[in-house]
Amino acid sequence: RKKDLVKLRSGEYVSLTKVEMVVSKVSIFENCCLYASSSAEYTVMLLSPNSQQMTAYSDKYFNTKEWQKLLDDEKFNEKILKDVQDACRKGGIERFEIPQKIKVVADSWTPDSGLVTDALKLKRKAVEQRYKDIIDNLYKEDTVSQTKLTM
């Protein structure tokens, strides 16, 4: 589908849905949205966690069941980014398509929130509007907290 392809600044075309399908198989996420800007050289991803799985994950790796408190933690975000990138590599995603920055959001994406349809399909425009500030920060922020992992 035409809406699914985004051309990066480097000229490469990214299939948003293809990457999202691979990442959605990671059990700690309920939903995800890949974002690619035609003025950027890399993609970023928003992740909506599966609360039960994320609780077990944060308990296993960070000794706390309260994953919501870890959302701005540098090590937490680096670990999740690494897991997402590993899943992409195993799923055969091209290097330029793999998200370089991620943000786990606390909210669940439900039909009631308006971010997914009744069939639980992603409403990309609604997600982009709701999280516009976060997406902008992911692209302009090259701080230690959102370090780009090398491939």
Protein backbone atom coordinates (compact mmCIF):
# COMPACT_ATOMS: atom_id res chain seq x y z
CA ARG A 1 0.00 0.00 0.00
CA LYS A 2 1.19 3.46 -0.83
CA LYS A 3 0.56 4.83 2.69
CA ASP A 4 2.78 2.08 4.07
CA LEU A 5 5.94 3.16 2.24
CA VAL A 6 8.04 6.10 3.39
CA LYS A 7 11.16 7.28 1.62
CA LEU A 8 14.01 8.19 3.97
CA ARG A 9 16.46 11.01 3.25
CA SER A 10 18.96 8.39 2.06
CA GLY A 11 16.51 7.35 -0.69
CA GLU A 12 15.62 3.99 0.86
CA TYR A 13 11.95 3.01 1.10
CA VAL A 14 10.70 1.70 4.45
CA SER A 15 7.66 -0.54 4.74
CA LEU A 16 6.17 0.53 8.07
CA THR A 17 3.81 -2.43 8.42
CA LYS A 18 6.51 -5.00 7.64
CA VAL A 19 8.65 -3.77 10.57
CA GLU A 20 5.63 -3.45 12.89
CA MET A 21 4.60 -7.05 12.16
CA VAL A 22 8.02 -8.32 13.23
CA VAL A 23 8.14 -6.18 16.39
CA SER A 24 4.56 -7.05 17.37
CA LYS A 25 5.69 -10.67 17.84
CA VAL A 26 7.75 -9.55 20.86
CA SER A 27 5.49 -10.56 23.75
CA ILE A 28 6.10 -7.51 25.95
CA PHE A 29 4.37 -5.23 23.42
CA GLU A 30 0.67 -5.04 22.78
CA ASN A 31 1.08 -2.66 19.87
CA CYS A 32 3.70 -0.59 18.08
CA CYS A 33 3.90 2.20 15.53
CA LEU A 34 6.94 2.78 13.35
CA TYR A 35 7.47 6.33 12.22
CA ALA A 36 9.73 7.38 9.38
CA SER A 37 10.31 10.96 8.34
CA SER A 38 11.36 11.72 4.79
CA SER A 39 13.78 14.30 6.21
CA ALA A 40 15.49 11.78 8.51
CA GLU A 41 17.99 8.99 7.94
CA TYR A 42 16.45 6.55 10.41
CA THR A 43 13.14 5.34 11.80
CA VAL A 44 11.72 5.65 15.33
CA MET A 45 9.12 3.53 17.06
CA LEU A 46 6.42 4.03 19.68
CA LEU A 47 5.59 0.96 21.74
CA SER A 48 2.48 0.21 23.74
CA PRO A 49 3.34 -2.43 26.34
CA ASN A 50 1.46 -5.55 27.35
CA SER A 51 1.12 -4.76 31.09
CA GLN A 52 1.42 -8.33 32.39
CA GLN A 53 4.37 -9.22 30.17
CA MET A 54 6.08 -5.89 30.85
CA THR A 55 5.70 -6.40 34.60
CA ALA A 56 7.45 -9.78 34.35
CA TYR A 57 10.10 -8.31 32.03
CA SER A 58 10.92 -5.36 34.30
CA ASP A 59 10.98 -7.68 37.32
CA LYS A 60 13.41 -10.03 35.55
CA TYR A 61 15.81 -7.38 34.22
CA PHE A 62 15.35 -4.42 36.58
CA ASN A 63 14.13 -6.00 39.87
CA THR A 64 10.93 -3.99 39.94
CA LYS A 65 7.39 -4.87 38.90
CA GLU A 66 6.54 -1.18 38.41
CA TRP A 67 7.63 -0.78 34.79
CA GLN A 68 5.77 2.55 34.51
CA LYS A 69 8.49 4.11 36.71
CA LEU A 70 11.15 2.89 34.26
CA LEU A 71 9.75 4.62 31.16
CA ASP A 72 12.32 7.43 31.34
CA ASP A 73 15.14 5.21 32.60
CA GLU A 74 18.13 5.13 30.27
CA LYS A 75 19.07 1.48 30.84
CA PHE A 76 15.44 0.35 30.48
CA ASN A 77 15.07 2.13 27.12
CA GLU A 78 18.43 0.84 25.88
CA LYS A 79 17.47 -2.75 26.77
CA ILE A 80 14.08 -2.46 25.04
CA LEU A 81 15.70 -0.85 21.98
CA LYS A 82 18.22 -3.71 21.82
CA ASP A 83 15.39 -6.27 22.07
CA VAL A 84 13.45 -4.51 19.28
CA GLN A 85 16.56 -4.34 17.08
CA ASP A 86 17.37 -8.02 17.73
CA ALA A 87 13.80 -8.99 16.79
CA CYS A 88 14.10 -6.95 13.58
CA ARG A 89 17.39 -8.59 12.62
CA LYS A 90 15.97 -12.07 13.27
CA GLY A 91 12.86 -11.10 11.28
CA GLY A 92 14.91 -10.17 8.21
CA ILE A 93 14.33 -6.43 8.43
CA GLU A 94 16.79 -4.30 6.44
CA ARG A 95 19.32 -2.29 8.42
CA PHE A 96 17.88 1.09 7.35
CA GLU A 97 14.36 -0.02 8.42
CA ILE A 98 15.34 -0.97 11.99
CA PRO A 99 14.28 1.69 14.52
CA GLN A 100 17.23 3.62 15.96
CA LYS A 101 15.21 5.17 18.78
CA ILE A 102 12.16 3.98 20.68
CA LYS A 103 9.73 5.26 23.27
CA VAL A 104 7.56 3.03 25.42
CA VAL A 105 4.31 4.82 26.24
CA ALA A 106 2.31 4.08 29.36
CA ASP A 107 -1.15 4.02 27.74
CA SER A 108 -2.87 1.06 26.20
CA TRP A 109 -4.02 1.56 22.64
CA THR A 110 -7.68 0.58 22.53
CA PRO A 111 -10.62 1.41 20.27
CA ASP A 112 -11.87 3.64 23.13
CA SER A 113 -8.66 5.68 23.05
CA GLY A 114 -9.13 6.19 19.30
CA LEU A 115 -5.65 4.88 18.45
CA VAL A 116 -6.81 1.56 16.96
CA THR A 117 -9.92 0.48 15.10
CA ASP A 118 -12.47 -2.00 16.48
CA ALA A 119 -10.49 -4.69 14.63
CA LEU A 120 -7.39 -3.47 16.56
CA LYS A 121 -5.73 -2.10 13.43
CA LEU A 122 -3.45 0.86 14.04
CA LYS A 123 -4.80 4.35 13.29
CA ARG A 124 -1.45 5.77 12.26
CA LYS A 125 -2.57 9.41 11.93
CA ALA A 126 -4.22 9.36 15.37
CA VAL A 127 -1.08 7.88 16.96
CA GLU A 128 1.14 10.43 15.20
CA GLN A 129 -1.07 13.30 16.40
CA ARG A 130 -1.32 12.06 19.99
CA TYR A 131 2.44 11.49 20.31
CA LYS A 132 3.71 14.26 18.03
CA ASP A 133 5.88 15.80 20.78
CA ILE A 134 7.46 12.44 21.62
CA ILE A 135 8.18 11.71 17.94
CA ASP A 136 9.73 15.17 17.50
CA ASN A 137 11.89 14.60 20.59
CA LEU A 138 13.06 11.21 19.31
CA TYR A 139 14.31 12.88 16.15
CA LYS A 140 15.97 15.90 17.69
CA GLU A 141 17.26 14.34 20.89
CA ASP A 142 20.67 12.79 20.54
CA THR A 143 21.33 12.75 24.26
CA VAL A 144 22.74 9.89 26.28
CA SER A 145 19.23 8.74 27.27
CA GLN A 146 18.31 7.93 23.67
CA THR A 147 21.65 6.78 22.30
CA LYS A 148 21.62 5.25 18.88
CA LEU A 149 22.78 1.68 19.09
CA THR A 150 25.17 0.68 16.38
CA MET A 151 24.18 -2.15 14.15
